[in-house]
Amino acid sequence: MSQIKAIIFDVGGVLIKETSKHLYKRLAEALGIDYQALYEFRSNYSKRLLLGKMRPEEFASLAEKKFMVENFLKEWEEAYLQLPINYELLELVKQLRRDYRVSIISNIISIQAKINYKRGLFNGFDPIVLSCDVGYAKPDKEIYRIALNRLNLNPEACVFIDDREANIQAAKELGISSILFKDKEQLEEELKDILNTERHNL
């Protein structure tokens, strides 16, 4: 029987199929501005946004002045809502929930976190550890420690799933079994190896 008690998921690139690059491409197109210029501008503020040290409204105001556009915040929300949710993976999460706790660790901006709460994407996950709430972002090990503390579990009792190698490596260094996410089928196979769950009908 597996000693694993909890499975921790990333959001962007995992529970949501696309990432911030796709988001800003959609946003640039909607606003009629150059994607590369927008992405580089965003990079100047991304850490502060992710750590909750800068309000999205403040960033939107700066972007409107920089690119001479209006309704940046509204278009930002609309662009985020267009990113496709990985519903197949959420079905797998439902199955896993029968036997394991499911949790989230995500580097995410508060405006996007609010959207995910509102539309129910985070339903059933506990704890939900978000960079904009805790002031730490992956691959900083502190955000993983916060999740472990809230789960009240040792690293060896958890599996972490993320689409970025640096985030996976940080989790592994803490002793958390980790899977670099590519697609649902690959994830199922690697989870079976870790969980020894032939009997759990994954």
N, C-alpha and C. Protein backbone atom coordinates (compact mmCIF):
# COMPACT_ATOMS: atom_id res chain seq x y z
N MET A 1 0.85 -1.20 0.00
CA MET A 1 0.00 0.00 0.00
C MET A 1 0.89 1.24 0.00
N SER A 2 0.53 2.21 -0.80
CA SER A 2 1.33 3.42 -0.93
C SER A 2 1.29 4.24 0.36
N GLN A 3 2.44 4.89 0.67
CA GLN A 3 2.49 5.79 1.82
C GLN A 3 2.02 7.18 1.44
N ILE A 4 1.75 7.41 0.16
CA ILE A 4 1.34 8.73 -0.30
C ILE A 4 -0.05 9.07 0.24
N LYS A 5 -0.16 10.29 0.77
CA LYS A 5 -1.44 10.76 1.33
C LYS A 5 -2.04 11.93 0.55
N ALA A 6 -1.18 12.68 -0.16
CA ALA A 6 -1.66 13.89 -0.85
C ALA A 6 -0.98 14.06 -2.20
N ILE A 7 -1.74 14.60 -3.14
CA ILE A 7 -1.22 14.89 -4.48
C ILE A 7 -1.44 16.38 -4.74
N ILE A 8 -0.35 17.06 -5.07
CA ILE A 8 -0.36 18.52 -5.19
C ILE A 8 -0.21 18.91 -6.66
N PHE A 9 -1.12 19.76 -7.12
CA PHE A 9 -1.14 20.16 -8.52
C PHE A 9 -0.76 21.62 -8.72
N ASP A 10 -0.07 21.87 -9.82
CA ASP A 10 0.13 23.22 -10.35
C ASP A 10 -1.15 23.62 -11.09
N VAL A 11 -1.27 24.91 -11.43
CA VAL A 11 -2.45 25.38 -12.17
C VAL A 11 -2.09 25.64 -13.64
N GLY A 12 -1.36 26.72 -13.93
CA GLY A 12 -1.04 27.06 -15.32
C GLY A 12 -0.17 26.02 -15.98
N GLY A 13 -0.61 25.51 -17.13
CA GLY A 13 0.11 24.46 -17.84
C GLY A 13 -0.25 23.06 -17.37
N VAL A 14 -1.11 22.97 -16.34
CA VAL A 14 -1.54 21.67 -15.81
C VAL A 14 -3.06 21.65 -15.70
N LEU A 15 -3.63 22.21 -14.65
CA LEU A 15 -5.10 22.26 -14.54
C LEU A 15 -5.70 23.18 -15.62
N ILE A 16 -4.95 24.21 -15.98
CA ILE A 16 -5.28 25.03 -17.15
C ILE A 16 -4.24 24.69 -18.20
N LYS A 17 -4.69 24.40 -19.42
CA LYS A 17 -3.79 23.83 -20.42
C LYS A 17 -2.70 24.79 -20.87
N GLU A 18 -2.99 26.07 -20.87
CA GLU A 18 -2.03 27.04 -21.39
C GLU A 18 -1.36 27.82 -20.26
N THR A 19 -0.36 28.63 -20.63
CA THR A 19 0.46 29.33 -19.65
C THR A 19 0.39 30.84 -19.86
N SER A 20 1.20 31.57 -19.10
CA SER A 20 1.16 33.03 -19.17
C SER A 20 1.51 33.56 -20.56
N LYS A 21 2.36 32.85 -21.29
CA LYS A 21 2.70 33.32 -22.64
C LYS A 21 1.46 33.34 -23.54
N HIS A 22 0.64 32.30 -23.44
CA HIS A 22 -0.60 32.26 -24.20
C HIS A 22 -1.55 33.38 -23.75
N LEU A 23 -1.58 33.61 -22.44
CA LEU A 23 -2.43 34.67 -21.91
C LEU A 23 -2.07 36.01 -22.50
N TYR A 24 -0.79 36.34 -22.49
CA TYR A 24 -0.38 37.67 -22.95
C TYR A 24 -0.45 37.79 -24.47
N LYS A 25 -0.36 36.68 -25.17
CA LYS A 25 -0.59 36.73 -26.62
C LYS A 25 -2.04 37.09 -26.91
N ARG A 26 -2.96 36.47 -26.18
CA ARG A 26 -4.38 36.78 -26.34
C ARG A 26 -4.67 38.24 -25.96
N LEU A 27 -4.05 38.68 -24.86
CA LEU A 27 -4.27 40.03 -24.38
C LEU A 27 -3.72 41.07 -25.36
N ALA A 28 -2.53 40.82 -25.88
CA ALA A 28 -1.94 41.75 -26.85
C ALA A 28 -2.81 41.86 -28.10
N GLU A 29 -3.32 40.73 -28.55
CA GLU A 29 -4.19 40.73 -29.73
C GLU A 29 -5.47 41.52 -29.47
N ALA A 30 -6.05 41.32 -28.30
CA ALA A 30 -7.29 42.01 -27.95
C ALA A 30 -7.09 43.52 -27.87
N LEU A 31 -5.92 43.94 -27.39
CA LEU A 31 -5.64 45.36 -27.22
C LEU A 31 -5.01 46.00 -28.45
N GLY A 32 -4.61 45.16 -29.42
CA GLY A 32 -3.99 45.67 -30.63
C GLY A 32 -2.58 46.21 -30.40
N ILE A 33 -1.84 45.54 -29.51
CA ILE A 33 -0.47 45.97 -29.24
C ILE A 33 0.49 44.80 -29.48
N ASP A 34 1.78 45.12 -29.53
CA ASP A 34 2.80 44.12 -29.83
C ASP A 34 2.98 43.16 -28.64
N TYR A 35 2.89 41.87 -28.93
CA TYR A 35 2.99 40.87 -27.87
C TYR A 35 4.34 40.92 -27.16
N GLN A 36 5.42 40.97 -27.92
CA GLN A 36 6.75 40.94 -27.32
C GLN A 36 6.96 42.14 -26.41
N ALA A 37 6.49 43.29 -26.84
CA ALA A 37 6.62 44.51 -26.03
C ALA A 37 5.82 44.37 -24.74
N LEU A 38 4.60 43.81 -24.83
CA LEU A 38 3.78 43.61 -23.65
C LEU A 38 4.41 42.60 -22.70
N TYR A 39 4.93 41.50 -23.25
CA TYR A 39 5.50 40.46 -22.41
C TYR A 39 6.75 40.96 -21.69
N GLU A 40 7.56 41.75 -22.39
CA GLU A 40 8.76 42.31 -21.76
C GLU A 40 8.37 43.32 -20.68
N PHE A 41 7.34 44.12 -20.94
CA PHE A 41 6.86 45.09 -19.95
C PHE A 41 6.35 44.36 -18.71
N ARG A 42 5.59 43.31 -18.93
CA ARG A 42 5.05 42.51 -17.83
C ARG A 42 6.18 41.88 -17.02
N SER A 43 7.26 41.48 -17.69
CA SER A 43 8.38 40.84 -16.99
C SER A 43 8.99 41.75 -15.93
N ASN A 44 8.90 43.06 -16.14
CA ASN A 44 9.43 44.01 -15.17
C ASN A 44 8.68 43.98 -13.84
N TYR A 45 7.43 43.52 -13.90
CA TYR A 45 6.57 43.56 -12.71
C TYR A 45 6.08 42.18 -12.28
N SER A 46 6.43 41.14 -13.03
CA SER A 46 5.82 39.82 -12.80
C SER A 46 6.09 39.29 -11.39
N LYS A 47 7.30 39.47 -10.89
CA LYS A 47 7.61 38.93 -9.56
C LYS A 47 6.77 39.62 -8.50
N ARG A 48 6.65 40.94 -8.57
CA ARG A 48 5.85 41.68 -7.60
C ARG A 48 4.38 41.28 -7.68
N LEU A 49 3.89 41.07 -8.90
CA LEU A 49 2.50 40.65 -9.08
C LEU A 49 2.27 39.26 -8.50
N LEU A 50 3.19 38.33 -8.80
CA LEU A 50 3.04 36.95 -8.33
C LEU A 50 3.14 36.85 -6.81
N LEU A 51 3.93 37.71 -6.19
CA LEU A 51 4.11 37.66 -4.74
C LEU A 51 3.08 38.49 -4.00
N GLY A 52 2.15 39.09 -4.73
CA GLY A 52 1.11 39.89 -4.10
C GLY A 52 1.59 41.23 -3.59
N LYS A 53 2.74 41.68 -4.10
CA LYS A 53 3.31 42.96 -3.66
C LYS A 53 2.91 44.12 -4.57
N MET A 54 2.19 43.81 -5.64
CA MET A 54 1.68 44.83 -6.55
C MET A 54 0.26 44.44 -6.94
N ARG A 55 -0.67 45.38 -6.83
CA ARG A 55 -2.05 45.09 -7.18
C ARG A 55 -2.22 45.06 -8.69
N PRO A 56 -3.02 44.15 -9.22
CA PRO A 56 -3.26 44.10 -10.66
C PRO A 56 -3.77 45.43 -11.22
N GLU A 57 -4.56 46.13 -10.43
CA GLU A 57 -5.08 47.43 -10.87
C GLU A 57 -3.95 48.43 -11.13
N GLU A 58 -2.93 48.36 -10.29
CA GLU A 58 -1.77 49.26 -10.45
C GLU A 58 -1.01 48.92 -11.73
N PHE A 59 -0.80 47.63 -11.95
CA PHE A 59 -0.12 47.19 -13.18
C PHE A 59 -0.93 47.59 -14.41
N ALA A 60 -2.25 47.39 -14.35
CA ALA A 60 -3.11 47.73 -15.48
C ALA A 60 -3.02 49.22 -15.81
N SER A 61 -2.98 50.04 -14.78
CA SER A 61 -2.88 51.49 -14.98
C SER A 61 -1.56 51.86 -15.66
N LEU A 62 -0.48 51.25 -15.23
CA LEU A 62 0.82 51.49 -15.85
C LEU A 62 0.83 51.03 -17.30
N ALA A 63 0.23 49.87 -17.56
CA ALA A 63 0.18 49.33 -18.92
C ALA A 63 -0.65 50.22 -19.85
N GLU A 64 -1.74 50.76 -19.33
CA GLU A 64 -2.58 51.65 -20.14
C GLU A 64 -1.80 52.90 -20.55
N LYS A 65 -1.01 53.42 -19.65
CA LYS A 65 -0.20 54.60 -19.96
C LYS A 65 0.92 54.25 -20.94
N LYS A 66 1.56 53.10 -20.72
CA LYS A 66 2.68 52.68 -21.57
C LYS A 66 2.23 52.43 -23.00
N PHE A 67 1.10 51.75 -23.17
CA PHE A 67 0.67 51.34 -24.51
C PHE A 67 -0.48 52.18 -25.06
N MET A 68 -0.89 53.17 -24.27
CA MET A 68 -1.96 54.09 -24.70
C MET A 68 -3.23 53.31 -25.09
N VAL A 69 -3.69 52.47 -24.16
CA VAL A 69 -4.89 51.66 -24.37
C VAL A 69 -5.83 51.86 -23.19
N GLU A 70 -7.05 51.37 -23.33
CA GLU A 70 -8.05 51.44 -22.26
C GLU A 70 -8.54 50.04 -21.92
N ASN A 71 -9.20 49.93 -20.78
CA ASN A 71 -9.85 48.68 -20.36
C ASN A 71 -8.88 47.51 -20.24
N PHE A 72 -7.65 47.78 -19.82
CA PHE A 72 -6.64 46.73 -19.73
C PHE A 72 -7.07 45.63 -18.78
N LEU A 73 -7.59 46.02 -17.62
CA LEU A 73 -7.97 45.03 -16.60
C LEU A 73 -9.09 44.13 -17.12
N LYS A 74 -10.07 44.71 -17.75
CA LYS A 74 -11.19 43.93 -18.29
C LYS A 74 -10.71 42.96 -19.37
N GLU A 75 -9.84 43.45 -20.26
CA GLU A 75 -9.32 42.58 -21.32
C GLU A 75 -8.42 41.49 -20.76
N TRP A 76 -7.72 41.81 -19.69
CA TRP A 76 -6.87 40.84 -19.02
C TRP A 76 -7.73 39.69 -18.47
N GLU A 77 -8.80 40.04 -17.80
CA GLU A 77 -9.72 39.02 -17.28
C GLU A 77 -10.30 38.17 -18.41
N GLU A 78 -10.71 38.82 -19.48
CA GLU A 78 -11.31 38.11 -20.62
C GLU A 78 -10.30 37.15 -21.25
N ALA A 79 -9.06 37.62 -21.39
CA ALA A 79 -8.02 36.77 -21.99
C ALA A 79 -7.75 35.56 -21.11
N TYR A 80 -7.76 35.75 -19.79
CA TYR A 80 -7.51 34.63 -18.88
C TYR A 80 -8.64 33.61 -18.95
N LEU A 81 -9.86 34.10 -19.05
CA LEU A 81 -11.02 33.21 -19.13
C LEU A 81 -11.00 32.36 -20.40
N GLN A 82 -10.28 32.80 -21.42
CA GLN A 82 -10.21 32.05 -22.67
C GLN A 82 -9.20 30.90 -22.62
N LEU A 83 -8.33 30.89 -21.62
CA LEU A 83 -7.37 29.79 -21.51
C LEU A 83 -8.14 28.51 -21.18
N PRO A 84 -7.92 27.43 -21.95
CA PRO A 84 -8.73 26.22 -21.78
C PRO A 84 -8.42 25.44 -20.50
N ILE A 85 -9.45 25.11 -19.77
CA ILE A 85 -9.31 24.27 -18.58
C ILE A 85 -9.12 22.82 -19.01
N ASN A 86 -8.27 22.11 -18.30
CA ASN A 86 -8.01 20.70 -18.61
C ASN A 86 -9.05 19.83 -17.90
N TYR A 87 -10.22 19.72 -18.52
CA TYR A 87 -11.33 18.99 -17.88
C TYR A 87 -11.03 17.50 -17.74
N GLU A 88 -10.28 16.93 -18.68
CA GLU A 88 -9.88 15.52 -18.56
C GLU A 88 -9.07 15.30 -17.28
N LEU A 89 -8.18 16.23 -17.01
CA LEU A 89 -7.35 16.11 -15.82
C LEU A 89 -8.20 16.29 -14.55
N LEU A 90 -9.19 17.16 -14.61
CA LEU A 90 -10.07 17.34 -13.45
C LEU A 90 -10.87 16.07 -13.15
N GLU A 91 -11.18 15.30 -14.18
CA GLU A 91 -11.84 14.01 -13.96
C GLU A 91 -10.92 13.06 -13.21
N LEU A 92 -9.64 13.08 -13.58
CA LEU A 92 -8.66 12.26 -12.87
C LEU A 92 -8.54 12.72 -11.41
N VAL A 93 -8.57 14.03 -11.20
CA VAL A 93 -8.50 14.58 -9.84
C VAL A 93 -9.66 14.05 -9.00
N LYS A 94 -10.86 13.99 -9.60
CA LYS A 94 -12.03 13.47 -8.88
C LYS A 94 -11.80 12.02 -8.44
N GLN A 95 -11.20 11.23 -9.32
CA GLN A 95 -10.90 9.84 -8.97
C GLN A 95 -9.88 9.76 -7.84
N LEU A 96 -8.85 10.58 -7.94
CA LEU A 96 -7.80 10.58 -6.92
C LEU A 96 -8.33 10.99 -5.55
N ARG A 97 -9.31 11.87 -5.56
CA ARG A 97 -9.86 12.41 -4.32
C ARG A 97 -10.51 11.33 -3.46
N ARG A 98 -10.87 10.21 -4.07
CA ARG A 98 -11.47 9.11 -3.30
C ARG A 98 -10.47 8.55 -2.29
N ASP A 99 -9.18 8.58 -2.65
CA ASP A 99 -8.16 7.93 -1.83
C ASP A 99 -7.08 8.86 -1.30
N TYR A 100 -7.00 10.06 -1.85
CA TYR A 100 -5.93 10.98 -1.48
C TYR A 100 -6.48 12.39 -1.29
N ARG A 101 -5.76 13.17 -0.51
CA ARG A 101 -6.04 14.60 -0.47
C ARG A 101 -5.46 15.23 -1.75
N VAL A 102 -6.15 16.20 -2.29
CA VAL A 102 -5.61 16.91 -3.46
C VAL A 102 -5.45 18.38 -3.10
N SER A 103 -4.32 18.92 -3.49
CA SER A 103 -3.94 20.26 -3.09
C SER A 103 -3.40 21.03 -4.30
N ILE A 104 -3.18 22.32 -4.11
CA ILE A 104 -2.65 23.18 -5.17
C ILE A 104 -1.49 24.01 -4.63
N ILE A 105 -0.42 24.08 -5.42
CA ILE A 105 0.61 25.11 -5.24
C ILE A 105 0.74 25.81 -6.58
N SER A 106 0.49 27.11 -6.60
CA SER A 106 0.50 27.84 -7.88
C SER A 106 1.15 29.20 -7.75
N ASN A 107 1.98 29.53 -8.74
CA ASN A 107 2.44 30.91 -8.92
C ASN A 107 1.35 31.62 -9.73
N ILE A 108 0.63 32.51 -9.09
CA ILE A 108 -0.54 33.09 -9.74
C ILE A 108 -0.78 34.51 -9.23
N ILE A 109 -1.30 35.35 -10.11
CA ILE A 109 -1.64 36.73 -9.78
C ILE A 109 -3.05 36.75 -9.19
N SER A 110 -3.29 37.65 -8.27
CA SER A 110 -4.55 37.66 -7.52
C SER A 110 -5.79 37.74 -8.40
N ILE A 111 -5.73 38.52 -9.48
CA ILE A 111 -6.90 38.66 -10.36
C ILE A 111 -7.28 37.32 -10.98
N GLN A 112 -6.25 36.51 -11.29
CA GLN A 112 -6.49 35.20 -11.88
C GLN A 112 -6.96 34.19 -10.83
N ALA A 113 -6.42 34.31 -9.63
CA ALA A 113 -6.88 33.45 -8.54
C ALA A 113 -8.35 33.68 -8.26
N LYS A 114 -8.78 34.94 -8.24
CA LYS A 114 -10.18 35.26 -7.99
C LYS A 114 -11.09 34.65 -9.05
N ILE A 115 -10.66 34.70 -10.30
CA ILE A 115 -11.44 34.09 -11.39
C ILE A 115 -11.59 32.59 -11.15
N ASN A 116 -10.50 31.93 -10.76
CA ASN A 116 -10.54 30.48 -10.55
C ASN A 116 -11.41 30.08 -9.37
N TYR A 117 -11.38 30.89 -8.31
CA TYR A 117 -12.30 30.63 -7.19
C TYR A 117 -13.74 30.81 -7.64
N LYS A 118 -14.00 31.88 -8.35
CA LYS A 118 -15.37 32.22 -8.76
C LYS A 118 -15.96 31.16 -9.68
N ARG A 119 -15.15 30.63 -10.60
CA ARG A 119 -15.70 29.66 -11.55
C ARG A 119 -15.59 28.22 -11.06
N GLY A 120 -15.10 28.04 -9.84
CA GLY A 120 -15.10 26.72 -9.22
C GLY A 120 -13.94 25.82 -9.56
N LEU A 121 -12.92 26.35 -10.23
CA LEU A 121 -11.79 25.51 -10.60
C LEU A 121 -11.08 24.95 -9.37
N PHE A 122 -11.07 25.71 -8.28
CA PHE A 122 -10.36 25.28 -7.08
C PHE A 122 -11.21 24.41 -6.15
N ASN A 123 -12.45 24.18 -6.52
CA ASN A 123 -13.34 23.38 -5.66
C ASN A 123 -12.76 21.99 -5.42
N GLY A 124 -12.76 21.58 -4.17
CA GLY A 124 -12.29 20.23 -3.83
C GLY A 124 -10.82 20.14 -3.52
N PHE A 125 -10.06 21.20 -3.80
CA PHE A 125 -8.63 21.21 -3.47
C PHE A 125 -8.44 21.85 -2.09
N ASP A 126 -7.59 21.23 -1.28
CA ASP A 126 -7.32 21.77 0.05
C ASP A 126 -6.05 21.14 0.60
N PRO A 127 -5.06 21.97 0.97
CA PRO A 127 -5.07 23.43 0.91
C PRO A 127 -4.76 23.96 -0.48
N ILE A 128 -5.08 25.24 -0.67
CA ILE A 128 -4.77 25.95 -1.91
C ILE A 128 -3.71 26.99 -1.56
N VAL A 129 -2.50 26.75 -1.99
CA VAL A 129 -1.37 27.62 -1.64
C VAL A 129 -0.97 28.42 -2.87
N LEU A 130 -1.23 29.72 -2.83
CA LEU A 130 -1.03 30.60 -3.97
C LEU A 130 0.05 31.63 -3.66
N SER A 131 0.92 31.85 -4.63
CA SER A 131 2.04 32.77 -4.42
C SER A 131 1.56 34.17 -4.03
N CYS A 132 0.47 34.61 -4.62
CA CYS A 132 -0.03 35.97 -4.35
C CYS A 132 -0.56 36.11 -2.93
N ASP A 133 -0.88 34.99 -2.28
CA ASP A 133 -1.37 35.01 -0.90
C ASP A 133 -0.25 34.85 0.12
N VAL A 134 0.74 34.00 -0.20
CA VAL A 134 1.75 33.65 0.81
C VAL A 134 3.05 34.42 0.66
N GLY A 135 3.23 35.12 -0.47
CA GLY A 135 4.43 35.93 -0.66
C GLY A 135 5.67 35.17 -1.05
N TYR A 136 5.50 33.94 -1.48
CA TYR A 136 6.60 33.12 -2.01
C TYR A 136 6.14 32.47 -3.31
N ALA A 137 7.08 32.27 -4.24
CA ALA A 137 6.74 31.66 -5.52
C ALA A 137 7.71 30.52 -5.83
N LYS A 138 7.19 29.49 -6.45
CA LYS A 138 8.05 28.39 -6.92
C LYS A 138 9.12 28.98 -7.86
N PRO A 139 10.35 28.49 -7.81
CA PRO A 139 10.83 27.31 -7.06
C PRO A 139 11.36 27.60 -5.66
N ASP A 140 11.02 28.73 -5.06
CA ASP A 140 11.39 29.00 -3.67
C ASP A 140 10.81 27.89 -2.80
N LYS A 141 11.67 27.22 -2.05
CA LYS A 141 11.24 26.05 -1.27
C LYS A 141 10.23 26.41 -0.18
N GLU A 142 10.19 27.68 0.20
CA GLU A 142 9.29 28.07 1.29
C GLU A 142 7.83 27.82 0.93
N ILE A 143 7.46 27.99 -0.34
CA ILE A 143 6.06 27.79 -0.72
C ILE A 143 5.67 26.31 -0.59
N TYR A 144 6.62 25.42 -0.83
CA TYR A 144 6.36 23.98 -0.65
C TYR A 144 6.24 23.66 0.84
N ARG A 145 7.08 24.30 1.63
CA ARG A 145 7.03 24.06 3.08
C ARG A 145 5.69 24.53 3.67
N ILE A 146 5.19 25.65 3.14
CA ILE A 146 3.89 26.14 3.59
C ILE A 146 2.81 25.11 3.28
N ALA A 147 2.86 24.55 2.07
CA ALA A 147 1.86 23.53 1.68
C ALA A 147 1.97 22.30 2.58
N LEU A 148 3.19 21.85 2.83
CA LEU A 148 3.38 20.67 3.68
C LEU A 148 2.86 20.93 5.09
N ASN A 149 3.11 22.13 5.59
CA ASN A 149 2.64 22.49 6.92
C ASN A 149 1.11 22.49 6.98
N ARG A 150 0.47 23.03 5.95
CA ARG A 150 -1.00 23.07 5.93
C ARG A 150 -1.59 21.68 5.73
N LEU A 151 -0.88 20.84 5.02
CA LEU A 151 -1.32 19.46 4.86
C LEU A 151 -1.04 18.63 6.11
N ASN A 152 -0.10 19.12 6.93
CA ASN A 152 0.37 18.39 8.11
C ASN A 152 0.93 17.03 7.71
N LEU A 153 1.75 17.07 6.65
CA LEU A 153 2.34 15.84 6.13
C LEU A 153 3.84 16.02 5.91
N ASN A 154 4.58 14.93 5.97
CA ASN A 154 5.99 14.93 5.60
C ASN A 154 6.11 14.96 4.08
N PRO A 155 7.25 15.42 3.56
CA PRO A 155 7.44 15.44 2.11
C PRO A 155 7.23 14.07 1.45
N GLU A 156 7.65 13.02 2.13
CA GLU A 156 7.56 11.67 1.56
C GLU A 156 6.12 11.21 1.36
N ALA A 157 5.17 11.90 1.98
CA ALA A 157 3.76 11.51 1.87
C ALA A 157 3.04 12.25 0.74
N CYS A 158 3.79 13.02 -0.05
CA CYS A 158 3.17 13.85 -1.09
C CYS A 158 3.76 13.59 -2.47
N VAL A 159 2.94 13.84 -3.47
CA VAL A 159 3.39 13.87 -4.87
C VAL A 159 3.08 15.25 -5.41
N PHE A 160 4.04 15.84 -6.13
CA PHE A 160 3.87 17.17 -6.72
C PHE A 160 3.90 17.09 -8.24
N ILE A 161 2.99 17.79 -8.90
CA ILE A 161 2.86 17.75 -10.35
C ILE A 161 2.95 19.18 -10.89
N ASP A 162 3.88 19.40 -11.82
CA ASP A 162 4.11 20.73 -12.37
C ASP A 162 4.65 20.58 -13.79
N ASP A 163 4.51 21.63 -14.59
CA ASP A 163 4.99 21.58 -15.98
C ASP A 163 6.36 22.24 -16.15
N ARG A 164 6.99 22.66 -15.06
CA ARG A 164 8.29 23.33 -15.16
C ARG A 164 9.35 22.54 -14.39
N GLU A 165 10.44 22.28 -15.06
CA GLU A 165 11.51 21.47 -14.48
C GLU A 165 12.08 22.07 -13.20
N ALA A 166 12.26 23.40 -13.17
CA ALA A 166 12.84 24.03 -11.98
C ALA A 166 11.96 23.82 -10.75
N ASN A 167 10.64 23.86 -10.96
CA ASN A 167 9.71 23.66 -9.85
C ASN A 167 9.72 22.22 -9.36
N ILE A 168 9.84 21.30 -10.31
CA ILE A 168 9.93 19.87 -9.97
C ILE A 168 11.21 19.60 -9.18
N GLN A 169 12.31 20.17 -9.63
CA GLN A 169 13.59 19.95 -8.98
C GLN A 169 13.58 20.44 -7.54
N ALA A 170 12.98 21.61 -7.31
CA ALA A 170 12.90 22.15 -5.95
C ALA A 170 12.12 21.23 -5.04
N ALA A 171 11.00 20.70 -5.55
CA ALA A 171 10.19 19.78 -4.75
C ALA A 171 10.97 18.50 -4.43
N LYS A 172 11.68 17.98 -5.42
CA LYS A 172 12.47 16.75 -5.22
C LYS A 172 13.54 16.96 -4.16
N GLU A 173 14.14 18.16 -4.16
CA GLU A 173 15.20 18.44 -3.18
C GLU A 173 14.67 18.46 -1.76
N LEU A 174 13.36 18.69 -1.62
CA LEU A 174 12.72 18.64 -0.30
C LEU A 174 12.26 17.23 0.06
N GLY A 175 12.39 16.30 -0.88
CA GLY A 175 11.97 14.93 -0.62
C GLY A 175 10.56 14.60 -1.08
N ILE A 176 9.98 15.49 -1.92
CA ILE A 176 8.63 15.26 -2.45
C ILE A 176 8.73 14.53 -3.79
N SER A 177 8.07 13.39 -3.93
CA SER A 177 8.01 12.72 -5.23
C SER A 177 7.34 13.66 -6.22
N SER A 178 7.91 13.79 -7.42
CA SER A 178 7.43 14.80 -8.35
C SER A 178 7.35 14.28 -9.77
N ILE A 179 6.40 14.85 -10.51
CA ILE A 179 6.18 14.44 -11.91
C ILE A 179 6.16 15.69 -12.78
N LEU A 180 6.97 15.69 -13.82
CA LEU A 180 6.95 16.77 -14.81
C LEU A 180 5.79 16.50 -15.77
N PHE A 181 4.78 17.34 -15.71
CA PHE A 181 3.54 17.10 -16.44
C PHE A 181 3.69 17.37 -17.94
N LYS A 182 3.21 16.41 -18.74
CA LYS A 182 3.16 16.58 -20.19
C LYS A 182 1.72 16.43 -20.69
N ASP A 183 1.07 15.36 -20.28
CA ASP A 183 -0.34 15.16 -20.62
C ASP A 183 -0.95 14.17 -19.63
N LYS A 184 -2.27 14.00 -19.72
CA LYS A 184 -2.98 13.17 -18.75
C LYS A 184 -2.52 11.72 -18.77
N GLU A 185 -2.31 11.17 -19.96
CA GLU A 185 -1.92 9.76 -20.07
C GLU A 185 -0.55 9.52 -19.42
N GLN A 186 0.40 10.41 -19.72
CA GLN A 186 1.74 10.29 -19.13
C GLN A 186 1.66 10.42 -17.61
N LEU A 187 0.83 11.35 -17.14
CA LEU A 187 0.67 11.56 -15.70
C LEU A 187 0.11 10.30 -15.03
N GLU A 188 -0.90 9.71 -15.63
CA GLU A 188 -1.50 8.49 -15.06
C GLU A 188 -0.46 7.39 -14.92
N GLU A 189 0.35 7.21 -15.95
CA GLU A 189 1.36 6.15 -15.90
C GLU A 189 2.38 6.40 -14.80
N GLU A 190 2.84 7.65 -14.70
CA GLU A 190 3.85 7.95 -13.68
C GLU A 190 3.25 7.91 -12.27
N LEU A 191 1.99 8.31 -12.14
CA LEU A 191 1.33 8.20 -10.84
C LEU A 191 1.20 6.75 -10.41
N LYS A 192 0.86 5.89 -11.36
CA LYS A 192 0.74 4.46 -11.03
C LYS A 192 2.06 3.92 -10.49
N ASP A 193 3.17 4.34 -11.10
CA ASP A 193 4.47 3.88 -10.65
C ASP A 193 4.75 4.34 -9.22
N ILE A 194 4.38 5.57 -8.92
CA ILE A 194 4.66 6.14 -7.59
C ILE A 194 3.69 5.58 -6.54
N LEU A 195 2.44 5.49 -6.90
CA LEU A 195 1.41 5.12 -5.92
C LEU A 195 1.20 3.62 -5.76
N ASN A 196 1.69 2.87 -6.74
CA ASN A 196 1.42 1.44 -6.75
C ASN A 196 -0.08 1.21 -6.66
N THR A 197 -0.82 1.81 -7.62
CA THR A 197 -2.27 1.88 -7.51
C THR A 197 -3.01 1.03 -8.53
N GLU A 198 -2.48 -0.10 -8.89
CA GLU A 198 -3.25 -0.96 -9.80
C GLU A 198 -4.66 -1.21 -9.25
N ARG A 199 -4.75 -1.30 -7.94
CA ARG A 199 -6.04 -1.61 -7.29
C ARG A 199 -6.96 -0.39 -7.22
N HIS A 200 -6.38 0.83 -7.47
CA HIS A 200 -7.20 2.03 -7.35
C HIS A 200 -7.91 2.42 -8.64
N ASN A 201 -7.70 1.66 -9.69
CA ASN A 201 -8.45 1.84 -10.94
C ASN A 201 -8.27 3.25 -11.52
N LEU A 202 -7.02 3.70 -11.61
CA LEU A 202 -6.72 4.99 -12.24
C LEU A 202 -7.00 4.91 -13.73
